Amino acid sequence: MSTPFDLDEHLGRRLYFEDLASGQCWESPRRTVTEADVVQFAGLSGDYNALHTDAVFAASHPFGQRAAHGMLTLAIASGLTTRMPVYRLMDGTRLALTELRCQWRKPVLIGDTIHVELSIGEKALSQKRPGTGRVTMLRTVKNQNGEIVVESEWTTLMKCRQEAK
């Protein structure tokens, strides 16, 4: 069950640690993963694994075709998240990504369309850095069939409102 959140109330200002509550959730825009994405990511990362780059090899694999790199899917999920209006309201108050946990559940194939469901998980004030708090953001990536392809937890250090004054 998500906590109500009025985005219009926050437009024109920033969101701080205190503004986020466990259970709040939002959905990103959708994006189709293309062959160009896979080819460019292989070149950028140096990961030319045949599962991603060799159509003949991939056809004999259980997926039946080339799959996007897991890290490419995670990178696209990150980009989709930054396109969410609520996430942009955290610009300037998100200080650092401190931890990332990820599980790949299903392959993302060329032509799949994915989106991110972002929800706020655990929150805790930082004992080491006064005026900041840690927020765990759960990012669930789903394909066009509503199947979960990636589940991830991104722990972010954020400014507290009282520190900003």
C-alpha atoms as a PDB file:
ATOM      1  CA  MET A   1       0.000   0.000   0.000  1.00  0.00           C
ATOM      2  CA  SER A   2       1.533   3.291  -1.012  1.00  0.00           C
ATOM      3  CA  THR A   3       1.450   6.451   1.033  1.00  0.00           C
ATOM      4  CA  PRO A   4      -0.339   9.335  -0.716  1.00  0.00           C
ATOM      5  CA  PHE A   5       2.066  11.861  -2.178  1.00  0.00           C
ATOM      6  CA  ASP A   6       0.974  15.093  -3.811  1.00  0.00           C
ATOM      7  CA  LEU A   7       3.652  15.888  -6.393  1.00  0.00           C
ATOM      8  CA  ASP A   8       2.000  19.228  -7.246  1.00  0.00           C
ATOM      9  CA  GLU A   9       2.540  20.319  -3.641  1.00  0.00           C
ATOM     10  CA  HIS A  10       6.296  19.935  -4.092  1.00  0.00           C
ATOM     11  CA  LEU A  11       6.768  21.461  -7.548  1.00  0.00           C
ATOM     12  CA  GLY A  12       9.201  24.332  -7.470  1.00  0.00           C
ATOM     13  CA  ARG A  13      11.036  23.080  -4.402  1.00  0.00           C
ATOM     14  CA  ARG A  14      13.287  20.217  -3.399  1.00  0.00           C
ATOM     15  CA  LEU A  15      12.535  17.009  -1.554  1.00  0.00           C
ATOM     16  CA  TYR A  16      14.596  16.222   1.527  1.00  0.00           C
ATOM     17  CA  PHE A  17      15.024  13.136   3.701  1.00  0.00           C
ATOM     18  CA  GLU A  18      11.993  14.103   5.823  1.00  0.00           C
ATOM     19  CA  ASP A  19       9.708  14.446   2.786  1.00  0.00           C
ATOM     20  CA  LEU A  20      10.009  10.780   1.858  1.00  0.00           C
ATOM     21  CA  ALA A  21       8.046   8.035   3.608  1.00  0.00           C
ATOM     22  CA  SER A  22       8.355   4.277   3.411  1.00  0.00           C
ATOM     23  CA  GLY A  23       5.788   2.898   0.998  1.00  0.00           C
ATOM     24  CA  GLN A  24       5.556   5.890  -1.338  1.00  0.00           C
ATOM     25  CA  CYS A  25       5.783   4.705  -4.941  1.00  0.00           C
ATOM     26  CA  TRP A  26       5.957   6.043  -8.482  1.00  0.00           C
ATOM     27  CA  GLU A  27       6.254   4.660 -12.010  1.00  0.00           C
ATOM     28  CA  SER A  28       8.731   5.753 -14.672  1.00  0.00           C
ATOM     29  CA  PRO A  29       8.176   6.311 -18.372  1.00  0.00           C
ATOM     30  CA  ARG A  30       8.669   3.227 -20.565  1.00  0.00           C
ATOM     31  CA  ARG A  31      11.565   2.540 -22.930  1.00  0.00           C
ATOM     32  CA  THR A  32      12.175  -0.109 -25.573  1.00  0.00           C
ATOM     33  CA  VAL A  33      15.602  -1.775 -25.501  1.00  0.00           C
ATOM     34  CA  THR A  34      17.058  -1.771 -29.018  1.00  0.00           C
ATOM     35  CA  GLU A  35      19.782  -3.637 -30.855  1.00  0.00           C
ATOM     36  CA  ALA A  36      21.692  -0.351 -31.008  1.00  0.00           C
ATOM     37  CA  ASP A  37      21.592  -0.149 -27.195  1.00  0.00           C
ATOM     38  CA  VAL A  38      23.124  -3.628 -26.897  1.00  0.00           C
ATOM     39  CA  VAL A  39      25.804  -3.010 -29.539  1.00  0.00           C
ATOM     40  CA  GLN A  40      26.782   0.361 -28.064  1.00  0.00           C
ATOM     41  CA  PHE A  41      26.894  -1.024 -24.527  1.00  0.00           C
ATOM     42  CA  ALA A  42      29.130  -3.892 -25.675  1.00  0.00           C
ATOM     43  CA  GLY A  43      31.527  -1.338 -27.145  1.00  0.00           C
ATOM     44  CA  LEU A  44      31.398   0.940 -24.121  1.00  0.00           C
ATOM     45  CA  SER A  45      31.823  -1.821 -21.541  1.00  0.00           C
ATOM     46  CA  GLY A  46      34.068  -4.144 -23.544  1.00  0.00           C
ATOM     47  CA  ASP A  47      31.644  -6.994 -22.780  1.00  0.00           C
ATOM     48  CA  TYR A  48      31.312  -8.843 -26.089  1.00  0.00           C
ATOM     49  CA  ASN A  49      29.837 -12.010 -24.577  1.00  0.00           C
ATOM     50  CA  ALA A  50      28.264 -14.038 -27.396  1.00  0.00           C
ATOM     51  CA  LEU A  51      24.937 -14.103 -25.565  1.00  0.00           C
ATOM     52  CA  HIS A  52      24.693 -10.374 -26.305  1.00  0.00           C
ATOM     53  CA  THR A  53      26.530 -10.056 -29.624  1.00  0.00           C
ATOM     54  CA  ASP A  54      26.240 -13.319 -31.596  1.00  0.00           C
ATOM     55  CA  ALA A  55      22.761 -14.004 -32.992  1.00  0.00           C
ATOM     56  CA  VAL A  56      23.638 -17.575 -34.070  1.00  0.00           C
ATOM     57  CA  PHE A  57      25.030 -18.490 -30.647  1.00  0.00           C
ATOM     58  CA  ALA A  58      22.150 -16.795 -28.829  1.00  0.00           C
ATOM     59  CA  ALA A  59      19.587 -18.691 -30.928  1.00  0.00           C
ATOM     60  CA  SER A  60      20.901 -21.948 -29.433  1.00  0.00           C
ATOM     61  CA  HIS A  61      20.742 -20.547 -25.890  1.00  0.00           C
ATOM     62  CA  PRO A  62      17.625 -21.062 -23.725  1.00  0.00           C
ATOM     63  CA  PHE A  63      16.648 -17.399 -24.276  1.00  0.00           C
ATOM     64  CA  GLY A  64      16.436 -18.111 -28.031  1.00  0.00           C
ATOM     65  CA  GLN A  65      17.870 -14.734 -29.013  1.00  0.00           C
ATOM     66  CA  ARG A  66      20.339 -12.083 -27.909  1.00  0.00           C
ATOM     67  CA  ALA A  67      19.693 -10.587 -24.501  1.00  0.00           C
ATOM     68  CA  ALA A  68      20.637  -7.178 -23.178  1.00  0.00           C
ATOM     69  CA  HIS A  69      23.535  -7.083 -20.738  1.00  0.00           C
ATOM     70  CA  GLY A  70      22.346  -7.142 -17.143  1.00  0.00           C
ATOM     71  CA  MET A  71      24.334  -3.993 -16.444  1.00  0.00           C
ATOM     72  CA  LEU A  72      22.744  -2.323 -19.478  1.00  0.00           C
ATOM     73  CA  THR A  73      19.311  -3.068 -18.043  1.00  0.00           C
ATOM     74  CA  LEU A  74      20.422  -1.593 -14.722  1.00  0.00           C
ATOM     75  CA  ALA A  75      21.802   1.504 -16.486  1.00  0.00           C
ATOM     76  CA  ILE A  76      18.544   2.004 -18.405  1.00  0.00           C
ATOM     77  CA  ALA A  77      16.616   1.597 -15.145  1.00  0.00           C
ATOM     78  CA  SER A  78      18.776   4.309 -13.609  1.00  0.00           C
ATOM     79  CA  GLY A  79      18.071   6.612 -16.545  1.00  0.00           C
ATOM     80  CA  LEU A  80      14.334   5.932 -16.451  1.00  0.00           C
ATOM     81  CA  THR A  81      14.322   6.763 -12.749  1.00  0.00           C
ATOM     82  CA  THR A  82      16.022  10.115 -13.339  1.00  0.00           C
ATOM     83  CA  ARG A  83      13.218  11.010 -15.771  1.00  0.00           C
ATOM     84  CA  MET A  84      10.614  10.786 -12.988  1.00  0.00           C
ATOM     85  CA  PRO A  85       9.480  14.237 -11.815  1.00  0.00           C
ATOM     86  CA  VAL A  86       9.652  13.135  -8.172  1.00  0.00           C
ATOM     87  CA  TYR A  87      13.257  12.013  -8.590  1.00  0.00           C
ATOM     88  CA  ARG A  88      14.245  15.322 -10.148  1.00  0.00           C
ATOM     89  CA  LEU A  89      12.859  17.065  -7.053  1.00  0.00           C
ATOM     90  CA  MET A  90      15.677  15.335  -5.149  1.00  0.00           C
ATOM     91  CA  ASP A  91      18.370  16.994  -7.290  1.00  0.00           C
ATOM     92  CA  GLY A  92      20.665  18.812  -4.893  1.00  0.00           C
ATOM     93  CA  THR A  93      19.494  16.822  -1.871  1.00  0.00           C
ATOM     94  CA  ARG A  94      20.676  13.381  -3.032  1.00  0.00           C
ATOM     95  CA  LEU A  95      24.304  13.414  -1.983  1.00  0.00           C
ATOM     96  CA  ALA A  96      25.665   9.978  -2.856  1.00  0.00           C
ATOM     97  CA  LEU A  97      24.762   6.447  -3.817  1.00  0.00           C
ATOM     98  CA  THR A  98      26.205   4.402  -0.937  1.00  0.00           C
ATOM     99  CA  GLU A  99      25.007   0.876  -1.684  1.00  0.00           C
ATOM    100  CA  LEU A 100      23.448  -1.083  -4.535  1.00  0.00           C
ATOM    101  CA  ARG A 101      21.960  -4.562  -4.373  1.00  0.00           C
ATOM    102  CA  CYS A 102      20.552  -6.181  -7.459  1.00  0.00           C
ATOM    103  CA  GLN A 103      18.974  -9.422  -8.616  1.00  0.00           C
ATOM    104  CA  TRP A 104      18.267 -10.197 -12.255  1.00  0.00           C
ATOM    105  CA  ARG A 105      15.084 -12.281 -12.486  1.00  0.00           C
ATOM    106  CA  LYS A 106      14.485 -12.629 -16.243  1.00  0.00           C
ATOM    107  CA  PRO A 107      16.381 -11.657 -19.376  1.00  0.00           C
ATOM    108  CA  VAL A 108      15.606  -8.440 -21.196  1.00  0.00           C
ATOM    109  CA  LEU A 109      15.546  -9.234 -24.895  1.00  0.00           C
ATOM    110  CA  ILE A 110      16.040  -6.866 -27.801  1.00  0.00           C
ATOM    111  CA  GLY A 111      12.642  -5.276 -28.422  1.00  0.00           C
ATOM    112  CA  ASP A 112      11.418  -5.561 -24.830  1.00  0.00           C
ATOM    113  CA  THR A 113       9.886  -2.434 -23.334  1.00  0.00           C
ATOM    114  CA  ILE A 114      10.721  -1.814 -19.699  1.00  0.00           C
ATOM    115  CA  HIS A 115       9.772   0.610 -16.955  1.00  0.00           C
ATOM    116  CA  VAL A 116      10.697   1.127 -13.303  1.00  0.00           C
ATOM    117  CA  GLU A 117       8.471   1.066 -10.268  1.00  0.00           C
ATOM    118  CA  LEU A 118      10.256   3.140  -7.622  1.00  0.00           C
ATOM    119  CA  SER A 119       9.270   2.858  -3.978  1.00  0.00           C
ATOM    120  CA  ILE A 120      10.730   4.158  -0.755  1.00  0.00           C
ATOM    121  CA  GLY A 121      11.958   1.431   1.576  1.00  0.00           C
ATOM    122  CA  GLU A 122      13.832   1.878   4.833  1.00  0.00           C
ATOM    123  CA  LYS A 123      14.998   5.251   6.103  1.00  0.00           C
ATOM    124  CA  ALA A 124      17.465   6.063   8.867  1.00  0.00           C
ATOM    125  CA  LEU A 125      19.258   9.167  10.056  1.00  0.00           C
ATOM    126  CA  SER A 126      22.999   8.930   9.567  1.00  0.00           C
ATOM    127  CA  GLN A 127      25.011   8.536  12.769  1.00  0.00           C
ATOM    128  CA  LYS A 128      28.275   9.384  10.976  1.00  0.00           C
ATOM    129  CA  ARG A 129      27.111  12.408   9.006  1.00  0.00           C
ATOM    130  CA  PRO A 130      24.849  14.777  10.972  1.00  0.00           C
ATOM    131  CA  GLY A 131      22.218  16.499   8.858  1.00  0.00           C
ATOM    132  CA  THR A 132      21.869  13.536   6.513  1.00  0.00           C
ATOM    133  CA  GLY A 133      19.903  10.326   6.291  1.00  0.00           C
ATOM    134  CA  ARG A 134      20.014   7.096   4.324  1.00  0.00           C
ATOM    135  CA  VAL A 135      17.046   6.242   2.125  1.00  0.00           C
ATOM    136  CA  THR A 136      16.697   2.860   0.457  1.00  0.00           C
ATOM    137  CA  MET A 137      14.892   3.173  -2.864  1.00  0.00           C
ATOM    138  CA  LEU A 138      13.498  -0.042  -4.288  1.00  0.00           C
ATOM    139  CA  ARG A 139      13.580  -0.129  -8.074  1.00  0.00           C
ATOM    140  CA  THR A 140      11.597  -2.935  -9.651  1.00  0.00           C
ATOM    141  CA  VAL A 141      12.062  -3.196 -13.417  1.00  0.00           C
ATOM    142  CA  LYS A 142       9.207  -4.782 -15.347  1.00  0.00           C
ATOM    143  CA  ASN A 143       8.849  -5.693 -19.002  1.00  0.00           C
ATOM    144  CA  GLN A 144       5.895  -5.116 -21.307  1.00  0.00           C
ATOM    145  CA  ASN A 145       4.171  -8.228 -19.896  1.00  0.00           C
ATOM    146  CA  GLY A 146       4.385  -6.976 -16.333  1.00  0.00           C
ATOM    147  CA  GLU A 147       7.071  -9.547 -15.502  1.00  0.00           C
ATOM    148  CA  ILE A 148       9.764  -8.535 -13.032  1.00  0.00           C
ATOM    149  CA  VAL A 149      13.138  -8.572 -14.769  1.00  0.00           C
ATOM    150  CA  VAL A 150      15.255  -6.802 -12.124  1.00  0.00           C
ATOM    151  CA  GLU A 151      14.804  -6.119  -8.429  1.00  0.00           C
ATOM    152  CA  SER A 152      17.234  -3.670  -6.886  1.00  0.00           C
ATOM    153  CA  GLU A 153      17.812  -1.611  -3.764  1.00  0.00           C
ATOM    154  CA  TRP A 154      19.675   1.680  -4.095  1.00  0.00           C
ATOM    155  CA  THR A 155      20.690   3.252  -0.784  1.00  0.00           C
ATOM    156  CA  THR A 156      21.211   6.985  -1.083  1.00  0.00           C
ATOM    157  CA  LEU A 157      22.582   9.549   1.339  1.00  0.00           C
ATOM    158  CA  MET A 158      20.258  12.578   1.420  1.00  0.00           C
ATOM    159  CA  LYS A 159      20.252  15.983   3.065  1.00  0.00           C
ATOM    160  CA  CYS A 160      17.884  16.591   5.943  1.00  0.00           C
ATOM    161  CA  ARG A 161      15.711  19.677   5.773  1.00  0.00           C
ATOM    162  CA  GLN A 162      16.990  21.146   9.067  1.00  0.00           C
ATOM    163  CA  GLU A 163      20.580  20.958   7.765  1.00  0.00           C
ATOM    164  CA  ALA A 164      19.599  22.982   4.677  1.00  0.00           C
ATOM    165  CA  LYS A 165      18.476  26.000   6.712  1.00  0.00           C
END
